[in-house]
N, C-alpha and C. Protein backbone atom coordinates (compact mmCIF):
# COMPACT_ATOMS: atom_id res chain seq x y z
N SER A 1 5.03 17.06 4.94
CA SER A 1 4.65 17.96 6.49
C SER A 1 4.78 18.09 7.77
N GLN A 2 4.52 18.60 8.46
CA GLN A 2 4.44 19.28 9.63
C GLN A 2 3.53 19.37 9.47
N GLU A 3 2.78 19.37 8.50
CA GLU A 3 0.69 20.11 9.30
C GLU A 3 0.20 18.88 8.48
N SER A 4 1.11 17.76 8.09
CA SER A 4 0.22 16.80 7.83
C SER A 4 -0.93 16.32 9.08
N PRO A 5 -2.36 15.99 8.87
CA PRO A 5 -2.04 15.27 10.61
C PRO A 5 -2.57 12.87 10.36
N ILE A 6 -1.21 13.07 9.04
CA ILE A 6 -0.30 11.04 9.61
C ILE A 6 0.85 11.25 10.14
N ARG A 7 1.70 12.50 10.15
CA ARG A 7 2.97 13.10 9.97
C ARG A 7 3.38 11.95 10.92
N ASN A 8 2.78 11.52 11.49
CA ASN A 8 3.59 10.31 13.62
C ASN A 8 2.25 9.55 13.01
N HIS A 9 2.21 9.10 11.99
CA HIS A 9 1.34 7.49 11.47
C HIS A 9 3.58 6.52 11.25
N THR A 10 2.61 5.29 11.32
CA THR A 10 3.83 4.70 10.57
C THR A 10 3.01 3.90 9.24
N PHE A 11 4.22 4.12 8.21
CA PHE A 11 3.00 3.62 5.97
C PHE A 11 4.34 2.12 6.33
N VAL A 12 3.57 1.63 5.81
CA VAL A 12 3.04 -0.22 5.19
C VAL A 12 3.41 0.35 3.81
N TYR A 13 4.36 -0.04 3.30
CA TYR A 13 3.88 -0.39 1.39
C TYR A 13 3.63 -0.92 0.82
N PHE A 14 2.78 -1.76 0.11
CA PHE A 14 2.89 -2.71 -0.34
C PHE A 14 3.37 -2.80 -2.88
N PRO A 15 3.85 -3.13 -3.00
CA PRO A 15 4.10 -2.46 -4.06
C PRO A 15 4.09 -3.47 -5.19
N TYR A 16 2.80 -3.78 -4.51
CA TYR A 16 1.34 -5.31 -6.34
C TYR A 16 0.90 -4.28 -6.44
N CYS A 17 -0.10 -5.00 -6.92
CA CYS A 17 -1.21 -5.19 -7.63
C CYS A 17 -0.96 -5.50 -9.34
N ASN A 18 -2.34 -6.21 -9.61
CA ASN A 18 -2.61 -7.20 -10.36
C ASN A 18 -3.85 -7.50 -10.85
N GLY A 19 -4.13 -6.39 -10.66
CA GLY A 19 -5.72 -5.82 -10.73
C GLY A 19 -6.26 -6.11 -10.16
N ASP A 20 -6.05 -7.08 -8.85
CA ASP A 20 -7.61 -7.77 -8.59
C ASP A 20 -7.54 -6.52 -7.21
N VAL A 21 -6.53 -5.89 -6.61
CA VAL A 21 -7.20 -4.66 -6.09
C VAL A 21 -6.77 -5.22 -4.60
N PHE A 22 -5.49 -6.28 -4.30
CA PHE A 22 -5.90 -6.97 -3.11
C PHE A 22 -7.13 -7.52 -2.74
N ALA A 23 -8.47 -7.69 -3.16
CA ALA A 23 -9.57 -8.61 -2.77
C ALA A 23 -9.76 -9.97 -3.70
N GLY A 24 -8.47 -10.10 -4.14
CA GLY A 24 -8.73 -11.69 -5.30
C GLY A 24 -8.31 -12.49 -4.73
N ASP A 25 -9.26 -13.58 -4.75
CA ASP A 25 -8.56 -14.38 -4.93
C ASP A 25 -9.55 -15.84 -5.80
N HIS A 26 -8.60 -16.18 -6.49
CA HIS A 26 -9.55 -17.20 -7.71
C HIS A 26 -8.87 -16.35 -8.66
N ALA A 27 -9.31 -17.95 -10.12
CA ALA A 27 -8.32 -18.14 -10.76
C ALA A 27 -9.13 -17.87 -12.18
N ALA A 28 -8.26 -17.19 -13.49
CA ALA A 28 -8.85 -16.72 -14.25
C ALA A 28 -8.23 -17.17 -16.13
N SER A 29 -8.60 -17.59 -17.21
CA SER A 29 -8.28 -17.18 -18.21
C SER A 29 -8.57 -16.44 -19.39
N TYR A 30 -7.23 -16.02 -19.01
CA TYR A 30 -7.68 -14.36 -20.62
C TYR A 30 -7.74 -15.35 -21.55
N LEU A 31 -6.92 -16.14 -22.18
CA LEU A 31 -6.47 -17.14 -23.23
C LEU A 31 -6.41 -18.06 -23.45
N PRO A 32 -7.03 -18.24 -23.83
CA PRO A 32 -7.06 -19.96 -24.24
C PRO A 32 -5.34 -20.15 -23.86
N LEU A 33 -5.42 -21.62 -22.73
CA LEU A 33 -3.97 -22.68 -22.16
C LEU A 33 -3.48 -21.45 -21.58
N ILE A 34 -3.99 -20.34 -21.19
CA ILE A 34 -2.84 -19.24 -19.65
C ILE A 34 -4.13 -18.41 -18.60
N ARG A 35 -3.72 -20.18 -17.44
CA ARG A 35 -4.18 -19.49 -16.72
C ARG A 35 -3.50 -18.41 -15.42
N THR A 36 -4.50 -17.17 -14.77
CA THR A 36 -3.40 -16.45 -14.07
C THR A 36 -4.61 -16.63 -12.64
N TYR A 37 -4.13 -16.41 -12.51
CA TYR A 37 -4.08 -16.35 -10.53
C TYR A 37 -3.93 -15.22 -9.68
N HIS A 38 -5.52 -14.73 -9.62
CA HIS A 38 -5.85 -13.69 -8.48
C HIS A 38 -5.52 -13.68 -7.35
N GLN A 39 -4.43 -13.36 -6.35
CA GLN A 39 -4.53 -13.68 -4.68
C GLN A 39 -4.32 -12.77 -4.33
N GLY A 40 -5.15 -11.93 -4.35
CA GLY A 40 -4.26 -10.27 -3.87
C GLY A 40 -4.50 -10.36 -2.18
N ALA A 41 -6.30 -11.32 -1.94
CA ALA A 41 -6.16 -10.99 -1.07
C ALA A 41 -6.10 -11.60 0.52
N ARG A 42 -5.25 -12.73 -0.01
CA ARG A 42 -4.60 -14.15 0.25
C ARG A 42 -2.71 -13.20 0.78
N ASN A 43 -2.74 -12.14 -1.14
CA ASN A 43 -0.95 -11.67 -0.52
C ASN A 43 -1.52 -10.32 1.07
N LEU A 44 -2.33 -9.65 0.81
CA LEU A 44 -3.04 -9.57 2.00
C LEU A 44 -2.88 -9.64 3.78
N HIS A 45 -3.68 -10.31 4.07
CA HIS A 45 -3.92 -11.14 4.80
C HIS A 45 -2.35 -12.32 5.46
N LEU A 46 -1.53 -12.44 4.19
CA LEU A 46 -0.28 -12.89 4.77
C LEU A 46 1.16 -11.78 4.76
N ALA A 47 0.91 -10.63 4.46
CA ALA A 47 1.80 -9.69 4.60
C ALA A 47 1.01 -9.66 5.51
N ILE A 48 0.59 -8.52 5.97
CA ILE A 48 0.27 -8.38 7.99
C ILE A 48 0.27 -9.24 8.37
N ALA A 49 -0.24 -10.63 8.34
CA ALA A 49 0.75 -11.66 9.28
C ALA A 49 1.45 -11.79 9.83
N HIS A 50 3.14 -11.08 8.55
CA HIS A 50 4.04 -10.97 8.30
C HIS A 50 4.50 -9.86 9.44
N LEU A 51 4.41 -8.70 8.83
CA LEU A 51 4.03 -7.49 9.55
C LEU A 51 4.33 -7.35 11.05
N GLU A 52 3.14 -8.69 11.75
CA GLU A 52 2.20 -8.63 13.14
C GLU A 52 2.86 -9.89 13.68
N GLN A 53 3.88 -10.87 14.14
CA GLN A 53 4.55 -11.97 14.05
C GLN A 53 5.65 -11.50 14.25
N THR A 54 6.46 -10.41 13.49
CA THR A 54 7.86 -9.65 13.05
C THR A 54 7.98 -8.53 14.59
N LYS A 55 6.61 -8.52 14.68
CA LYS A 55 6.44 -7.11 15.56
C LYS A 55 6.69 -5.78 14.89
N LYS A 56 6.66 -5.85 14.01
CA LYS A 56 6.87 -4.48 13.13
C LYS A 56 5.31 -3.50 13.28
N ILE A 57 4.13 -4.26 13.21
CA ILE A 57 3.17 -3.78 13.77
C ILE A 57 2.24 -4.85 14.77
N LYS A 58 2.11 -3.51 15.35
CA LYS A 58 0.07 -4.74 16.24
C LYS A 58 -0.99 -4.13 15.57
N LEU A 59 -1.91 -4.49 14.94
CA LEU A 59 -3.04 -3.49 14.40
C LEU A 59 -4.01 -3.36 15.81
N ALA A 60 -4.18 -4.98 16.91
CA ALA A 60 -5.20 -4.79 17.47
C ALA A 60 -5.58 -3.74 18.01
N LYS A 61 -4.03 -2.99 19.21
CA LYS A 61 -3.77 -2.12 19.90
C LYS A 61 -4.24 -0.44 18.79
N GLN A 62 -4.14 -0.49 17.80
CA GLN A 62 -4.40 1.13 17.04
C GLN A 62 -5.92 1.60 16.80
N LYS A 63 -5.52 3.40 17.40
CA LYS A 63 -6.40 3.47 17.44
C LYS A 63 -7.05 5.03 15.50
N GLN A 64 -5.97 4.79 15.32
CA GLN A 64 -6.42 4.78 13.70
C GLN A 64 -5.76 4.46 12.89
N PHE A 65 -6.62 3.57 11.17
CA PHE A 65 -5.62 3.35 10.11
C PHE A 65 -6.10 3.75 9.87
N VAL A 66 -4.99 4.36 8.00
CA VAL A 66 -5.51 5.24 7.07
C VAL A 66 -4.93 4.22 6.02
N LEU A 67 -5.86 4.05 5.10
CA LEU A 67 -5.82 3.36 3.47
C LEU A 67 -5.84 3.93 2.66
N THR A 68 -4.12 3.88 1.74
CA THR A 68 -4.83 4.82 0.71
C THR A 68 -3.91 3.95 -0.26
N GLY A 69 -4.37 5.25 -1.77
CA GLY A 69 -3.85 3.34 -2.71
C GLY A 69 -3.53 5.02 -3.57
N SER A 70 -3.02 4.01 -5.68
CA SER A 70 -3.17 4.88 -6.01
C SER A 70 -2.85 4.14 -7.47
N SER A 71 -3.88 4.66 -9.04
CA SER A 71 -4.08 4.09 -9.47
C SER A 71 -5.21 2.89 -10.21
N ALA A 72 -4.78 2.20 -9.76
CA ALA A 72 -5.35 0.91 -9.22
C ALA A 72 -6.20 0.65 -8.15
N GLY A 73 -5.11 1.24 -6.95
CA GLY A 73 -4.97 0.36 -5.59
C GLY A 73 -6.26 1.46 -4.86
N GLY A 74 -6.66 3.04 -6.08
CA GLY A 74 -7.05 3.38 -5.45
C GLY A 74 -8.12 3.31 -4.69
N ILE A 75 -9.17 2.90 -6.41
CA ILE A 75 -10.18 2.19 -6.33
C ILE A 75 -10.71 1.11 -4.84
N GLY A 76 -9.67 0.13 -4.48
CA GLY A 76 -9.57 -0.49 -3.24
C GLY A 76 -9.73 0.41 -2.06
N SER A 77 -9.07 1.85 -1.69
CA SER A 77 -9.38 2.45 -0.82
C SER A 77 -10.05 3.21 -0.77
N LEU A 78 -11.67 3.33 -2.16
CA LEU A 78 -12.50 3.58 -1.42
C LEU A 78 -13.30 3.03 0.03
């Protein structure tokens, strides 16, 4: 919408969440013999590094940064 204060911003969408809200970096055992690796923080850092290396974004030059989410991602945006 023309009234949106972020209408001219660049948007980056990360369609991923395994319940660690991009903050996890550990292994967990939920059932015997089943190990799950929560590496949301690592994945987010690697994705941002890739976007900077490929010159899609330049975080150091940003004046504003808006973080938002839905479902469990809304927790991380708080």
